[in-house]
Each structure stands twice: as structure tokens, then as C-alpha cells.
Amino acid sequence: MGILEEAGVMATVEVTSPYYPKLVQEFICNMSEDIDDIASPHHHKVTFCNRTFDFSLRLINDHFGRPNGGGTGYNLRTSDIFKVLTAGAVDTWPDKGGCRPLG
């Protein structure tokens, strides 16, 4: 947990409501491939149960009371984050139509 403490993001894993793995996986599977493409109509949007939600780093930081911009100073790949959060148990992450390798 050292890296999470250093980055100041322990609240994202310590103080949470009950965890529902299937719900989280479904949410992630509904992220479009162009969620980070500013030119896309799906930019920072996720559709779940026929409803569209805004979803961005700014909103996550606001929710957890973290500053926006500036970053943490870490250069981490998403796959590294998933592996740390799952204690190395996750090799692939669910995706529409199956699973995709992390990385």
C-alpha cells in the first residue's frame, strides 16, 4: 500500500461502500475506446443501464477532495495499477466481447 499512501489516494480504497465486482466490471466494460479522445462524442462519458454518465479524472478528484491538475509525479501504466490493487490476481480486464490483456 506504500505507493497509494505516497500518492495520497488511500481514501479511494479505504473508505468505500460495499464493493460489487460485477458492477465495477460492467461499468469498465461500458467505457468506449475513445473515452479519452477529446474529439469524440463519447469523451469522458460512460453508458450504463441505458444512462450516460460523465466520467473523468477531474470528477474523481473532486469526489475524493484531491487537487486537479499537476498529477502525482508518478508515471504508472494502468496495468500496473490494476495489478497492485488486486495483489497481482488480475491478468486481464473484462472488455466488451471478452477480455483484453492489461497494458
C-alpha atoms as a PDB file:
ATOM      1  CA  MET A   1       0.000   0.000   0.000  1.00  0.00           C
ATOM      2  CA  GLY A   2       3.004   2.336   0.158  1.00  0.00           C
ATOM      3  CA  ILE A   3       2.506   3.748  -3.343  1.00  0.00           C
ATOM      4  CA  LEU A   4      -1.145   4.551  -2.591  1.00  0.00           C
ATOM      5  CA  GLU A   5      -0.185   6.310   0.639  1.00  0.00           C
ATOM      6  CA  GLU A   6       2.575   8.297  -1.098  1.00  0.00           C
ATOM      7  CA  ALA A   7       0.192   9.378  -3.850  1.00  0.00           C
ATOM      8  CA  GLY A   8      -2.390  10.409  -1.237  1.00  0.00           C
ATOM      9  CA  VAL A   9      -5.131   8.195  -2.657  1.00  0.00           C
ATOM     10  CA  MET A  10      -5.776   5.833   0.271  1.00  0.00           C
ATOM     11  CA  ALA A  11      -9.312   7.220   0.581  1.00  0.00           C
ATOM     12  CA  THR A  12     -10.093   5.623  -2.777  1.00  0.00           C
ATOM     13  CA  VAL A  13      -9.656   2.159  -1.269  1.00  0.00           C
ATOM     14  CA  GLU A  14     -10.159   2.652   2.487  1.00  0.00           C
ATOM     15  CA  VAL A  15     -13.447   4.495   2.813  1.00  0.00           C
ATOM     16  CA  THR A  16     -15.758   2.902   0.309  1.00  0.00           C
ATOM     17  CA  SER A  17     -19.218   1.430   0.264  1.00  0.00           C
ATOM     18  CA  PRO A  18     -19.574  -2.311  -0.266  1.00  0.00           C
ATOM     19  CA  TYR A  19     -17.612  -3.463  -3.310  1.00  0.00           C
ATOM     20  CA  TYR A  20     -19.596  -5.103  -6.105  1.00  0.00           C
ATOM     21  CA  PRO A  21     -17.087  -6.642  -8.567  1.00  0.00           C
ATOM     22  CA  LYS A  22     -19.653  -7.365 -11.295  1.00  0.00           C
ATOM     23  CA  LEU A  23     -20.950  -3.785 -11.169  1.00  0.00           C
ATOM     24  CA  VAL A  24     -17.432  -2.348 -11.417  1.00  0.00           C
ATOM     25  CA  GLN A  25     -16.551  -4.707 -14.289  1.00  0.00           C
ATOM     26  CA  GLU A  26     -19.754  -3.807 -16.145  1.00  0.00           C
ATOM     27  CA  PHE A  27     -19.018  -0.114 -15.701  1.00  0.00           C
ATOM     28  CA  ILE A  28     -15.479  -0.518 -17.047  1.00  0.00           C
ATOM     29  CA  CYS A  29     -16.685  -2.675 -19.955  1.00  0.00           C
ATOM     30  CA  ASN A  30     -19.035   0.134 -20.960  1.00  0.00           C
ATOM     31  CA  MET A  31     -16.219   2.637 -21.357  1.00  0.00           C
ATOM     32  CA  SER A  32     -15.768   3.325 -25.039  1.00  0.00           C
ATOM     33  CA  GLU A  33     -12.328   3.006 -26.587  1.00  0.00           C
ATOM     34  CA  ASP A  34     -12.375   6.727 -27.349  1.00  0.00           C
ATOM     35  CA  ILE A  35     -13.292   7.860 -23.823  1.00  0.00           C
ATOM     36  CA  ASP A  36     -10.059   9.886 -23.721  1.00  0.00           C
ATOM     37  CA  ASP A  37     -10.351  11.282 -27.277  1.00  0.00           C
ATOM     38  CA  ILE A  38     -11.350  14.933 -26.936  1.00  0.00           C
ATOM     39  CA  ALA A  39     -12.821  14.917 -30.473  1.00  0.00           C
ATOM     40  CA  SER A  40     -15.165  12.020 -29.671  1.00  0.00           C
ATOM     41  CA  PRO A  41     -18.794  12.468 -28.616  1.00  0.00           C
ATOM     42  CA  HIS A  42     -18.003   9.771 -26.010  1.00  0.00           C
ATOM     43  CA  HIS A  43     -15.219  11.854 -24.440  1.00  0.00           C
ATOM     44  CA  HIS A  44     -15.406  11.347 -20.658  1.00  0.00           C
ATOM     45  CA  LYS A  45     -18.765   9.563 -20.943  1.00  0.00           C
ATOM     46  CA  VAL A  46     -19.828   6.072 -19.846  1.00  0.00           C
ATOM     47  CA  THR A  47     -23.169   4.472 -20.674  1.00  0.00           C
ATOM     48  CA  PHE A  48     -24.537   2.082 -18.089  1.00  0.00           C
ATOM     49  CA  CYS A  49     -28.086   0.681 -17.867  1.00  0.00           C
ATOM     50  CA  ASN A  50     -29.174   2.974 -20.726  1.00  0.00           C
ATOM     51  CA  ARG A  51     -28.000   6.078 -18.862  1.00  0.00           C
ATOM     52  CA  THR A  52     -24.964   8.158 -19.787  1.00  0.00           C
ATOM     53  CA  PHE A  53     -22.678   9.454 -17.056  1.00  0.00           C
ATOM     54  CA  ASP A  54     -19.854  11.970 -17.100  1.00  0.00           C
ATOM     55  CA  PHE A  55     -16.651  10.228 -16.022  1.00  0.00           C
ATOM     56  CA  SER A  56     -13.317  11.992 -15.837  1.00  0.00           C
ATOM     57  CA  LEU A  57     -10.247  12.362 -13.677  1.00  0.00           C
ATOM     58  CA  ARG A  58     -11.490  15.807 -12.646  1.00  0.00           C
ATOM     59  CA  LEU A  59     -14.767  14.342 -11.319  1.00  0.00           C
ATOM     60  CA  ILE A  60     -12.939  11.554  -9.477  1.00  0.00           C
ATOM     61  CA  ASN A  61     -10.516  14.041  -7.906  1.00  0.00           C
ATOM     62  CA  ASP A  62     -13.400  16.324  -6.916  1.00  0.00           C
ATOM     63  CA  HIS A  63     -15.222  13.392  -5.283  1.00  0.00           C
ATOM     64  CA  PHE A  64     -12.188  12.427  -3.192  1.00  0.00           C
ATOM     65  CA  GLY A  65     -11.154  16.004  -2.435  1.00  0.00           C
ATOM     66  CA  ARG A  66      -7.946  15.744  -4.459  1.00  0.00           C
ATOM     67  CA  PRO A  67      -6.420  18.673  -6.355  1.00  0.00           C
ATOM     68  CA  ASN A  68      -6.939  18.716 -10.116  1.00  0.00           C
ATOM     69  CA  GLY A  69      -4.006  19.147 -12.471  1.00  0.00           C
ATOM     70  CA  GLY A  70      -0.355  18.714 -11.725  1.00  0.00           C
ATOM     71  CA  GLY A  71      -0.560  14.938 -11.409  1.00  0.00           C
ATOM     72  CA  THR A  72       1.117  12.822  -8.760  1.00  0.00           C
ATOM     73  CA  GLY A  73       4.579  12.741 -10.262  1.00  0.00           C
ATOM     74  CA  TYR A  74       4.229   9.023 -10.941  1.00  0.00           C
ATOM     75  CA  ASN A  75       4.352   7.543 -14.420  1.00  0.00           C
ATOM     76  CA  LEU A  76       2.273   4.380 -13.961  1.00  0.00           C
ATOM     77  CA  ARG A  77       0.663   2.161 -16.554  1.00  0.00           C
ATOM     78  CA  THR A  78      -2.960   1.204 -15.986  1.00  0.00           C
ATOM     79  CA  SER A  79      -1.916  -2.448 -15.888  1.00  0.00           C
ATOM     80  CA  ASP A  80       0.482  -1.726 -13.004  1.00  0.00           C
ATOM     81  CA  ILE A  81      -2.303  -0.040 -11.038  1.00  0.00           C
ATOM     82  CA  PHE A  82      -4.706  -2.976 -11.581  1.00  0.00           C
ATOM     83  CA  LYS A  83      -2.019  -5.450 -10.523  1.00  0.00           C
ATOM     84  CA  VAL A  84      -1.267  -3.519  -7.323  1.00  0.00           C
ATOM     85  CA  LEU A  85      -4.951  -3.106  -6.441  1.00  0.00           C
ATOM     86  CA  THR A  86      -5.656  -6.823  -6.996  1.00  0.00           C
ATOM     87  CA  ALA A  87      -2.400  -8.094  -5.434  1.00  0.00           C
ATOM     88  CA  GLY A  88      -1.370  -9.480  -8.831  1.00  0.00           C
ATOM     89  CA  ALA A  89      -4.527 -11.592  -9.147  1.00  0.00           C
ATOM     90  CA  VAL A  90      -5.811  -9.905 -12.319  1.00  0.00           C
ATOM     91  CA  ASP A  91      -4.013 -10.709 -15.578  1.00  0.00           C
ATOM     92  CA  THR A  92      -6.751  -9.476 -17.918  1.00  0.00           C
ATOM     93  CA  TRP A  93      -9.508  -6.926 -17.551  1.00  0.00           C
ATOM     94  CA  PRO A  94     -13.043  -7.561 -18.838  1.00  0.00           C
ATOM     95  CA  ASP A  95     -13.936  -5.806 -22.072  1.00  0.00           C
ATOM     96  CA  LYS A  96     -16.913  -5.889 -24.424  1.00  0.00           C
ATOM     97  CA  GLY A  97     -16.805  -9.198 -26.265  1.00  0.00           C
ATOM     98  CA  GLY A  98     -14.322 -10.837 -23.906  1.00  0.00           C
ATOM     99  CA  CYS A  99     -11.188  -9.841 -22.089  1.00  0.00           C
ATOM    100  CA  ARG A 100      -8.258  -7.766 -23.179  1.00  0.00           C
ATOM    101  CA  PRO A 101      -4.715  -8.036 -21.830  1.00  0.00           C
ATOM    102  CA  LEU A 102      -3.646  -5.323 -19.435  1.00  0.00           C
ATOM    103  CA  GLY A 103      -1.003  -2.952 -20.592  1.00  0.00           C
END
